Amino acid sequence: MTTNVLVARDGALATVTVNRPDARNALDADTLDGLHAAFAELAGDAGVRCAILTGAGDRAFVAGADIKAMADMDAAAGLAFSARGQRVFDFIESLRLPVIAAVNGFALGAGCELALACDFIIAARTAKLGMPEVGLGVIPGFGGTQRLALRVGVAHARQLIYTGAIIDAAEALRIGLANGVAEPAALLHDVRAIAADIAAKAPLAIAAAKRVVSPGALRDAGEPVARALAAERDAFGGLFATADQKEGMRAFIDKRPPQWKGA
């Protein structure tokens, strides 16, 4: 695995770090492939129940795609780069385990798109987020036009994309781009506490909830609420065939902590 992406495990939690601090953690092809490899490895580890994604250093989560790598691309190369980024971000979004973005600095362009591919975002008070691609003559190309609109609504998404505005963490929280704001020194501590709370829950139930609530599921449902509710019913009913459901409800009745088996 490339050293551009680091993975650390701590029990049921894993932390994935984009590790290009000299380039403000900008995403090039190698780093995109490293992210895919890292999350594929975690997806195959049943002991990992929640992941945290962050950036190395204290300046950037991911400052964007690597502009030096993109500057001389022609249309075919640009299309291929967009497809590569979309594949990686779609993969992260579709994982069984929740992924929390701990945005510790700049999350611009592809960096903001990467954070949006996670289940939700907790940002340091000093973080800056935005999609300034139009100032470079392009648009968000790694799924950001769709995920941003789903997260904050079409009007906010249009304004952010059309103006290329860079907003602070407080504004990101106000419009729903971020779920929470933490002091920089406390960011990873606070996110780990949330991740540990998630990891303590029934893993099959968490995976089912993620599958049903995911933006991909909402898009695939083609908007009719009835189809989305049918997917929810199927997932809900299916969990009653699991040992974890039996254990969880019996533990509640017995007033004891549940012992999850992921089965």
C-alpha atoms as a PDB file:
ATOM      1  CA  MET A   1       0.000   0.000   0.000  1.00  0.00           C
ATOM      2  CA  THR A   2       1.247   3.499  -0.780  1.00  0.00           C
ATOM      3  CA  THR A   3       2.623   5.585   2.075  1.00  0.00           C
ATOM      4  CA  ASN A   4       0.274   8.325   0.863  1.00  0.00           C
ATOM      5  CA  VAL A   5      -2.476   6.608   2.874  1.00  0.00           C
ATOM      6  CA  LEU A   6      -1.961   5.245   6.394  1.00  0.00           C
ATOM      7  CA  VAL A   7      -4.225   2.887   8.323  1.00  0.00           C
ATOM      8  CA  ALA A   8      -4.202   2.478  12.113  1.00  0.00           C
ATOM      9  CA  ARG A   9      -6.448   0.112  14.058  1.00  0.00           C
ATOM     10  CA  ASP A  10      -7.565   0.447  17.663  1.00  0.00           C
ATOM     11  CA  GLY A  11      -9.919  -2.388  18.537  1.00  0.00           C
ATOM     12  CA  ALA A  12     -13.131  -1.962  16.556  1.00  0.00           C
ATOM     13  CA  LEU A  13     -12.055   1.456  15.264  1.00  0.00           C
ATOM     14  CA  ALA A  14      -9.768   2.271  12.348  1.00  0.00           C
ATOM     15  CA  THR A  15      -8.277   5.604  11.327  1.00  0.00           C
ATOM     16  CA  VAL A  16      -7.365   6.235   7.695  1.00  0.00           C
ATOM     17  CA  THR A  17      -5.036   9.191   7.132  1.00  0.00           C
ATOM     18  CA  VAL A  18      -4.285  10.853   3.807  1.00  0.00           C
ATOM     19  CA  ASN A  19      -0.550  11.351   4.190  1.00  0.00           C
ATOM     20  CA  ARG A  20       0.787  13.964   1.765  1.00  0.00           C
ATOM     21  CA  PRO A  21       1.290  16.877   4.147  1.00  0.00           C
ATOM     22  CA  ASP A  22       3.845  18.581   1.880  1.00  0.00           C
ATOM     23  CA  ALA A  23       1.115  18.771  -0.798  1.00  0.00           C
ATOM     24  CA  ARG A  24      -1.635  19.575   1.706  1.00  0.00           C
ATOM     25  CA  ASN A  25      -2.795  15.981   1.204  1.00  0.00           C
ATOM     26  CA  ALA A  26      -3.875  16.653  -2.388  1.00  0.00           C
ATOM     27  CA  LEU A  27      -5.300  13.677  -4.262  1.00  0.00           C
ATOM     28  CA  ASP A  28      -3.379  12.257  -7.199  1.00  0.00           C
ATOM     29  CA  ALA A  29      -3.950   8.885  -8.868  1.00  0.00           C
ATOM     30  CA  ASP A  30      -1.637   7.070  -6.459  1.00  0.00           C
ATOM     31  CA  THR A  31      -3.420   8.497  -3.425  1.00  0.00           C
ATOM     32  CA  LEU A  32      -6.835   7.657  -4.843  1.00  0.00           C
ATOM     33  CA  ASP A  33      -5.695   4.076  -5.381  1.00  0.00           C
ATOM     34  CA  GLY A  34      -4.289   4.042  -1.847  1.00  0.00           C
ATOM     35  CA  LEU A  35      -7.625   5.129  -0.414  1.00  0.00           C
ATOM     36  CA  HIS A  36      -9.388   2.357  -2.311  1.00  0.00           C
ATOM     37  CA  ALA A  37      -6.892  -0.232  -1.079  1.00  0.00           C
ATOM     38  CA  ALA A  38      -7.127   0.979   2.517  1.00  0.00           C
ATOM     39  CA  PHE A  39     -10.889   0.851   2.669  1.00  0.00           C
ATOM     40  CA  ALA A  40     -11.033  -2.465   0.798  1.00  0.00           C
ATOM     41  CA  GLU A  41      -8.764  -3.901   3.481  1.00  0.00           C
ATOM     42  CA  LEU A  42     -10.992  -2.554   6.254  1.00  0.00           C
ATOM     43  CA  ALA A  43     -14.137  -3.803   4.508  1.00  0.00           C
ATOM     44  CA  GLY A  44     -12.741  -7.325   4.738  1.00  0.00           C
ATOM     45  CA  ASP A  45     -11.972  -7.062   8.451  1.00  0.00           C
ATOM     46  CA  ALA A  46     -15.060  -8.037  10.454  1.00  0.00           C
ATOM     47  CA  GLY A  47     -13.417  -6.717  13.610  1.00  0.00           C
ATOM     48  CA  VAL A  48     -13.540  -3.129  12.337  1.00  0.00           C
ATOM     49  CA  ARG A  49     -16.931  -1.537  12.950  1.00  0.00           C
ATOM     50  CA  CYS A  50     -16.328   2.154  12.308  1.00  0.00           C
ATOM     51  CA  ALA A  51     -13.650   4.137  10.472  1.00  0.00           C
ATOM     52  CA  ILE A  52     -12.388   7.695  10.757  1.00  0.00           C
ATOM     53  CA  LEU A  53     -10.913   9.511   7.757  1.00  0.00           C
ATOM     54  CA  THR A  54      -8.604  12.474   8.290  1.00  0.00           C
ATOM     55  CA  GLY A  55      -5.564  14.247   6.860  1.00  0.00           C
ATOM     56  CA  ALA A  56      -1.962  14.323   8.037  1.00  0.00           C
ATOM     57  CA  GLY A  57      -0.759  17.476   9.752  1.00  0.00           C
ATOM     58  CA  ASP A  58      -2.814  20.381  11.000  1.00  0.00           C
ATOM     59  CA  ARG A  59      -3.267  22.389   7.792  1.00  0.00           C
ATOM     60  CA  ALA A  60      -5.405  20.207   5.560  1.00  0.00           C
ATOM     61  CA  PHE A  61      -7.851  17.336   5.500  1.00  0.00           C
ATOM     62  CA  VAL A  62      -7.448  17.190   1.719  1.00  0.00           C
ATOM     63  CA  ALA A  63      -6.829  20.512  -0.004  1.00  0.00           C
ATOM     64  CA  GLY A  64      -8.200  19.206  -3.306  1.00  0.00           C
ATOM     65  CA  ALA A  65      -7.140  17.172  -6.307  1.00  0.00           C
ATOM     66  CA  ASP A  66      -3.502  17.557  -7.305  1.00  0.00           C
ATOM     67  CA  ILE A  67      -3.652  20.477  -9.755  1.00  0.00           C
ATOM     68  CA  LYS A  68      -0.089  19.878 -10.941  1.00  0.00           C
ATOM     69  CA  ALA A  69      -1.149  16.374 -11.981  1.00  0.00           C
ATOM     70  CA  MET A  70      -4.257  17.698 -13.759  1.00  0.00           C
ATOM     71  CA  ALA A  71      -2.982  20.831 -15.475  1.00  0.00           C
ATOM     72  CA  ASP A  72      -1.927  19.200 -18.746  1.00  0.00           C
ATOM     73  CA  MET A  73      -4.710  16.612 -19.012  1.00  0.00           C
ATOM     74  CA  ASP A  74      -6.752  16.500 -22.202  1.00  0.00           C
ATOM     75  CA  ALA A  75     -10.467  15.698 -22.261  1.00  0.00           C
ATOM     76  CA  ALA A  76      -9.927  11.936 -22.321  1.00  0.00           C
ATOM     77  CA  ALA A  77      -7.511  12.062 -19.394  1.00  0.00           C
ATOM     78  CA  GLY A  78      -9.868  14.342 -17.458  1.00  0.00           C
ATOM     79  CA  LEU A  79     -12.734  11.925 -18.025  1.00  0.00           C
ATOM     80  CA  ALA A  80     -10.601   9.005 -16.836  1.00  0.00           C
ATOM     81  CA  PHE A  81      -9.475  10.920 -13.728  1.00  0.00           C
ATOM     82  CA  SER A  82     -13.061  11.799 -12.858  1.00  0.00           C
ATOM     83  CA  ALA A  83     -14.114   8.173 -13.311  1.00  0.00           C
ATOM     84  CA  ARG A  84     -11.267   7.036 -11.059  1.00  0.00           C
ATOM     85  CA  GLY A  85     -12.235   9.442  -8.305  1.00  0.00           C
ATOM     86  CA  GLN A  86     -15.913   8.565  -8.579  1.00  0.00           C
ATOM     87  CA  ARG A  87     -15.162   4.838  -8.304  1.00  0.00           C
ATOM     88  CA  VAL A  88     -13.146   5.346  -5.123  1.00  0.00           C
ATOM     89  CA  PHE A  89     -15.651   7.697  -3.496  1.00  0.00           C
ATOM     90  CA  ASP A  90     -18.600   5.477  -4.463  1.00  0.00           C
ATOM     91  CA  PHE A  91     -16.760   2.564  -2.871  1.00  0.00           C
ATOM     92  CA  ILE A  92     -16.253   4.483   0.389  1.00  0.00           C
ATOM     93  CA  GLU A  93     -19.901   5.550   0.422  1.00  0.00           C
ATOM     94  CA  SER A  94     -21.079   1.961  -0.132  1.00  0.00           C
ATOM     95  CA  LEU A  95     -19.023   0.330   2.639  1.00  0.00           C
ATOM     96  CA  ARG A  96     -20.842  -1.704   5.278  1.00  0.00           C
ATOM     97  CA  LEU A  97     -19.076   0.216   8.046  1.00  0.00           C
ATOM     98  CA  PRO A  98     -19.695   3.892   8.790  1.00  0.00           C
ATOM     99  CA  VAL A  99     -16.915   6.322   7.909  1.00  0.00           C
ATOM    100  CA  ILE A 100     -16.682   9.649   9.741  1.00  0.00           C
ATOM    101  CA  ALA A 101     -14.736  12.505   8.163  1.00  0.00           C
ATOM    102  CA  ALA A 102     -12.622  14.328  10.765  1.00  0.00           C
ATOM    103  CA  VAL A 103     -11.949  17.512   8.801  1.00  0.00           C
ATOM    104  CA  ASN A 104      -8.870  18.994  10.427  1.00  0.00           C
ATOM    105  CA  GLY A 105      -8.119  21.793   7.950  1.00  0.00           C
ATOM    106  CA  PHE A 106      -8.734  22.634   4.312  1.00  0.00           C
ATOM    107  CA  ALA A 107     -11.320  20.400   2.619  1.00  0.00           C
ATOM    108  CA  LEU A 108     -11.567  21.987  -0.790  1.00  0.00           C
ATOM    109  CA  GLY A 109     -12.665  20.643  -4.160  1.00  0.00           C
ATOM    110  CA  ALA A 110     -11.975  16.917  -4.185  1.00  0.00           C
ATOM    111  CA  GLY A 111     -11.280  17.143  -0.450  1.00  0.00           C
ATOM    112  CA  CYS A 112     -14.792  18.368   0.226  1.00  0.00           C
ATOM    113  CA  GLU A 113     -16.088  15.706  -2.155  1.00  0.00           C
ATOM    114  CA  LEU A 114     -14.164  13.049  -0.204  1.00  0.00           C
ATOM    115  CA  ALA A 115     -15.645  14.261   3.078  1.00  0.00           C
ATOM    116  CA  LEU A 116     -19.112  14.099   1.511  1.00  0.00           C
ATOM    117  CA  ALA A 117     -18.524  10.459   0.533  1.00  0.00           C
ATOM    118  CA  CYS A 118     -18.250   9.720   4.262  1.00  0.00           C
ATOM    119  CA  ASP A 119     -21.336   9.181   6.390  1.00  0.00           C
ATOM    120  CA  PHE A 120     -20.994  12.541   8.085  1.00  0.00           C
ATOM    121  CA  ILE A 121     -18.503  15.279   8.866  1.00  0.00           C
ATOM    122  CA  ILE A 122     -17.114  16.632  12.118  1.00  0.00           C
ATOM    123  CA  ALA A 123     -14.968  19.685  11.430  1.00  0.00           C
ATOM    124  CA  ALA A 124     -12.326  21.481  13.446  1.00  0.00           C
ATOM    125  CA  ARG A 125     -13.331  25.036  14.293  1.00  0.00           C
ATOM    126  CA  THR A 126     -10.490  26.255  12.063  1.00  0.00           C
ATOM    127  CA  ALA A 127     -11.434  24.103   9.055  1.00  0.00           C
ATOM    128  CA  LYS A 128     -12.342  25.582   5.680  1.00  0.00           C
ATOM    129  CA  LEU A 129     -14.627  23.798   3.227  1.00  0.00           C
ATOM    130  CA  GLY A 130     -15.740  24.515  -0.312  1.00  0.00           C
ATOM    131  CA  MET A 131     -15.751  23.594  -3.975  1.00  0.00           C
ATOM    132  CA  PRO A 132     -13.771  26.283  -5.810  1.00  0.00           C
ATOM    133  CA  GLU A 133     -13.366  24.316  -9.067  1.00  0.00           C
ATOM    134  CA  VAL A 134     -15.118  26.897 -11.262  1.00  0.00           C
ATOM    135  CA  GLY A 135     -12.203  29.222 -10.531  1.00  0.00           C
ATOM    136  CA  LEU A 136      -9.998  26.661 -12.286  1.00  0.00           C
ATOM    137  CA  GLY A 137     -12.265  26.281 -15.286  1.00  0.00           C
ATOM    138  CA  VAL A 138     -13.813  22.977 -14.216  1.00  0.00           C
ATOM    139  CA  ILE A 139     -16.567  21.682 -11.902  1.00  0.00           C
ATOM    140  CA  PRO A 140     -16.562  19.119  -9.096  1.00  0.00           C
ATOM    141  CA  GLY A 141     -15.874  15.793 -10.795  1.00  0.00           C
ATOM    142  CA  PHE A 142     -15.724  13.175  -8.033  1.00  0.00           C
ATOM    143  CA  GLY A 143     -19.453  13.132  -7.217  1.00  0.00           C
ATOM    144  CA  GLY A 144     -19.597  16.488  -5.466  1.00  0.00           C
ATOM    145  CA  THR A 145     -22.361  18.033  -7.580  1.00  0.00           C
ATOM    146  CA  GLN A 146     -24.720  15.278  -6.443  1.00  0.00           C
ATOM    147  CA  ARG A 147     -23.581  14.627  -2.870  1.00  0.00           C
ATOM    148  CA  LEU A 148     -23.447  18.306  -1.954  1.00  0.00           C
ATOM    149  CA  ALA A 149     -26.999  18.865  -3.206  1.00  0.00           C
ATOM    150  CA  LEU A 150     -28.212  15.826  -1.268  1.00  0.00           C
ATOM    151  CA  ARG A 151     -26.449  17.042   1.874  1.00  0.00           C
ATOM    152  CA  VAL A 152     -27.301  20.748   1.954  1.00  0.00           C
ATOM    153  CA  GLY A 153     -30.073  21.145  -0.639  1.00  0.00           C
ATOM    154  CA  VAL A 154     -29.943  22.262  -4.248  1.00  0.00           C
ATOM    155  CA  ALA A 155     -29.953  26.017  -3.585  1.00  0.00           C
ATOM    156  CA  HIS A 156     -27.037  25.962  -1.135  1.00  0.00           C
ATOM    157  CA  ALA A 157     -25.141  23.574  -3.431  1.00  0.00           C
ATOM    158  CA  ARG A 158     -25.643  25.826  -6.443  1.00  0.00           C
ATOM    159  CA  GLN A 159     -24.441  28.886  -4.562  1.00  0.00           C
ATOM    160  CA  LEU A 160     -21.339  27.137  -3.223  1.00  0.00           C
ATOM    161  CA  ILE A 161     -20.441  25.597  -6.595  1.00  0.00           C
ATOM    162  CA  TYR A 162     -21.259  28.644  -8.742  1.00  0.00           C
ATOM    163  CA  THR A 163     -19.338  31.091  -6.516  1.00  0.00           C
ATOM    164  CA  GLY A 164     -16.547  28.739  -5.496  1.00  0.00           C
ATOM    165  CA  ALA A 165     -16.966  30.137  -1.986  1.00  0.00           C
ATOM    166  CA  ILE A 166     -14.854  28.748   0.838  1.00  0.00           C
ATOM    167  CA  ILE A 167     -16.759  28.629   4.110  1.00  0.00           C
ATOM    168  CA  ASP A 168     -15.711  28.133   7.708  1.00  0.00           C
ATOM    169  CA  ALA A 169     -16.790  25.330  10.009  1.00  0.00           C
ATOM    170  CA  ALA A 170     -19.526  27.374  11.664  1.00  0.00           C
ATOM    171  CA  GLU A 171     -21.189  28.071   8.298  1.00  0.00           C
ATOM    172  CA  ALA A 172     -20.754  24.426   7.285  1.00  0.00           C
ATOM    173  CA  LEU A 173     -22.585  23.454  10.459  1.00  0.00           C
ATOM    174  CA  ARG A 174     -25.335  26.015   9.843  1.00  0.00           C
ATOM    175  CA  ILE A 175     -26.171  24.728   6.359  1.00  0.00           C
ATOM    176  CA  GLY A 176     -25.875  21.058   7.291  1.00  0.00           C
ATOM    177  CA  LEU A 177     -22.603  20.286   5.533  1.00  0.00           C
ATOM    178  CA  ALA A 178     -21.007  19.425   8.882  1.00  0.00           C
ATOM    179  CA  ASN A 179     -22.675  17.576  11.747  1.00  0.00           C
ATOM    180  CA  GLY A 180     -20.506  19.105  14.431  1.00  0.00           C
ATOM    181  CA  VAL A 181     -17.603  21.430  15.166  1.00  0.00           C
ATOM    182  CA  ALA A 182     -14.764  20.698  17.572  1.00  0.00           C
ATOM    183  CA  GLU A 183     -11.723  22.538  18.832  1.00  0.00           C
ATOM    184  CA  PRO A 184      -8.732  21.490  16.707  1.00  0.00           C
ATOM    185  CA  ALA A 185      -6.890  19.804  19.571  1.00  0.00           C
ATOM    186  CA  ALA A 186     -10.009  17.851  20.532  1.00  0.00           C
ATOM    187  CA  LEU A 187     -11.176  16.876  17.033  1.00  0.00           C
ATOM    188  CA  LEU A 188      -9.906  13.295  16.889  1.00  0.00           C
ATOM    189  CA  HIS A 189     -10.816  12.675  20.522  1.00  0.00           C
ATOM    190  CA  ASP A 190     -14.381  13.823  19.893  1.00  0.00           C
ATOM    191  CA  VAL A 191     -14.705  11.847  16.648  1.00  0.00           C
ATOM    192  CA  ARG A 192     -13.309   8.706  18.282  1.00  0.00           C
ATOM    193  CA  ALA A 193     -15.958   9.015  20.998  1.00  0.00           C
ATOM    194  CA  ILE A 194     -18.696   9.116  18.345  1.00  0.00           C
ATOM    195  CA  ALA A 195     -17.090   6.224  16.453  1.00  0.00           C
ATOM    196  CA  ALA A 196     -16.831   4.153  19.630  1.00  0.00           C
ATOM    197  CA  ASP A 197     -20.518   4.753  20.325  1.00  0.00           C
ATOM    198  CA  ILE A 198     -21.366   3.485  16.825  1.00  0.00           C
ATOM    199  CA  ALA A 199     -18.987   0.519  17.119  1.00  0.00           C
ATOM    200  CA  ALA A 200     -20.720  -0.561  20.315  1.00  0.00           C
ATOM    201  CA  LYS A 201     -24.001  -1.111  18.462  1.00  0.00           C
ATOM    202  CA  ALA A 202     -25.119  -4.210  16.531  1.00  0.00           C
ATOM    203  CA  PRO A 203     -22.896  -4.315  13.421  1.00  0.00           C
ATOM    204  CA  LEU A 204     -25.458  -5.907  11.100  1.00  0.00           C
ATOM    205  CA  ALA A 205     -28.061  -3.356  12.142  1.00  0.00           C
ATOM    206  CA  ILE A 206     -25.614  -0.496  11.517  1.00  0.00           C
ATOM    207  CA  ALA A 207     -24.780  -1.925   8.084  1.00  0.00           C
ATOM    208  CA  ALA A 208     -28.486  -2.260   7.244  1.00  0.00           C
ATOM    209  CA  ALA A 209     -29.212   1.280   8.411  1.00  0.00           C
ATOM    210  CA  LYS A 210     -26.355   2.628   6.297  1.00  0.00           C
ATOM    211  CA  ARG A 211     -27.565   0.709   3.267  1.00  0.00           C
ATOM    212  CA  VAL A 212     -31.129   1.997   3.556  1.00  0.00           C
ATOM    213  CA  VAL A 213     -30.300   5.608   4.455  1.00  0.00           C
ATOM    214  CA  SER A 214     -27.459   6.020   1.947  1.00  0.00           C
ATOM    215  CA  PRO A 215     -27.733   8.656  -0.788  1.00  0.00           C
ATOM    216  CA  GLY A 216     -27.133   5.887  -3.321  1.00  0.00           C
ATOM    217  CA  ALA A 217     -30.211   4.034  -2.106  1.00  0.00           C
ATOM    218  CA  LEU A 218     -32.236   7.233  -2.275  1.00  0.00           C
ATOM    219  CA  ARG A 219     -31.070   7.899  -5.828  1.00  0.00           C
ATOM    220  CA  ASP A 220     -31.740   4.309  -6.897  1.00  0.00           C
ATOM    221  CA  ALA A 221     -35.225   4.543  -5.464  1.00  0.00           C
ATOM    222  CA  GLY A 222     -36.017   7.062  -8.195  1.00  0.00           C
ATOM    223  CA  GLU A 223     -37.645   9.336  -5.616  1.00  0.00           C
ATOM    224  CA  PRO A 224     -40.942   7.527  -4.909  1.00  0.00           C
ATOM    225  CA  VAL A 225     -41.114   7.198  -1.134  1.00  0.00           C
ATOM    226  CA  ALA A 226     -42.884   3.856  -1.401  1.00  0.00           C
ATOM    227  CA  ARG A 227     -39.817   2.190  -2.925  1.00  0.00           C
ATOM    228  CA  ALA A 228     -37.507   3.606  -0.285  1.00  0.00           C
ATOM    229  CA  LEU A 229     -39.890   2.425   2.438  1.00  0.00           C
ATOM    230  CA  ALA A 230     -39.971  -1.037   0.857  1.00  0.00           C
ATOM    231  CA  ALA A 231     -36.176  -1.188   1.086  1.00  0.00           C
ATOM    232  CA  GLU A 232     -36.417  -0.142   4.721  1.00  0.00           C
ATOM    233  CA  ARG A 233     -39.011  -2.868   5.436  1.00  0.00           C
ATOM    234  CA  ASP A 234     -36.856  -5.534   3.790  1.00  0.00           C
ATOM    235  CA  ALA A 235     -33.817  -4.537   5.829  1.00  0.00           C
ATOM    236  CA  PHE A 236     -35.805  -4.290   9.064  1.00  0.00           C
ATOM    237  CA  GLY A 237     -37.461  -7.661   8.615  1.00  0.00           C
ATOM    238  CA  GLY A 238     -34.262  -9.359   7.543  1.00  0.00           C
ATOM    239  CA  LEU A 239     -32.527  -8.379  10.770  1.00  0.00           C
ATOM    240  CA  PHE A 240     -34.990 -10.535  12.694  1.00  0.00           C
ATOM    241  CA  ALA A 241     -33.252 -13.569  11.185  1.00  0.00           C
ATOM    242  CA  THR A 242     -29.964 -12.617  12.890  1.00  0.00           C
ATOM    243  CA  ALA A 243     -28.468 -13.770  16.162  1.00  0.00           C
ATOM    244  CA  ASP A 244     -27.628 -10.148  16.994  1.00  0.00           C
ATOM    245  CA  GLN A 245     -31.307  -9.183  16.973  1.00  0.00           C
ATOM    246  CA  LYS A 246     -32.114 -11.990  19.402  1.00  0.00           C
ATOM    247  CA  GLU A 247     -29.170 -11.055  21.604  1.00  0.00           C
ATOM    248  CA  GLY A 248     -29.916  -7.330  21.545  1.00  0.00           C
ATOM    249  CA  MET A 249     -33.533  -7.660  22.565  1.00  0.00           C
ATOM    250  CA  ARG A 250     -32.851 -10.382  25.143  1.00  0.00           C
ATOM    251  CA  ALA A 251     -30.072  -8.262  26.668  1.00  0.00           C
ATOM    252  CA  PHE A 252     -32.482  -5.316  26.890  1.00  0.00           C
ATOM    253  CA  ILE A 253     -35.049  -7.478  28.694  1.00  0.00           C
ATOM    254  CA  ASP A 254     -32.345  -8.937  30.952  1.00  0.00           C
ATOM    255  CA  LYS A 255     -30.912  -5.464  31.664  1.00  0.00           C
ATOM    256  CA  ARG A 256     -27.357  -6.408  30.624  1.00  0.00           C
ATOM    257  CA  PRO A 257     -24.926  -5.247  27.920  1.00  0.00           C
ATOM    258  CA  PRO A 258     -25.362  -7.129  24.614  1.00  0.00           C
ATOM    259  CA  GLN A 259     -22.587  -9.306  23.215  1.00  0.00           C
ATOM    260  CA  TRP A 260     -22.615  -8.757  19.447  1.00  0.00           C
ATOM    261  CA  LYS A 261     -21.407 -11.494  17.102  1.00  0.00           C
ATOM    262  CA  GLY A 262     -22.071  -9.870  13.758  1.00  0.00           C
ATOM    263  CA  ALA A 263     -24.224 -12.824  12.761  1.00  0.00           C
END
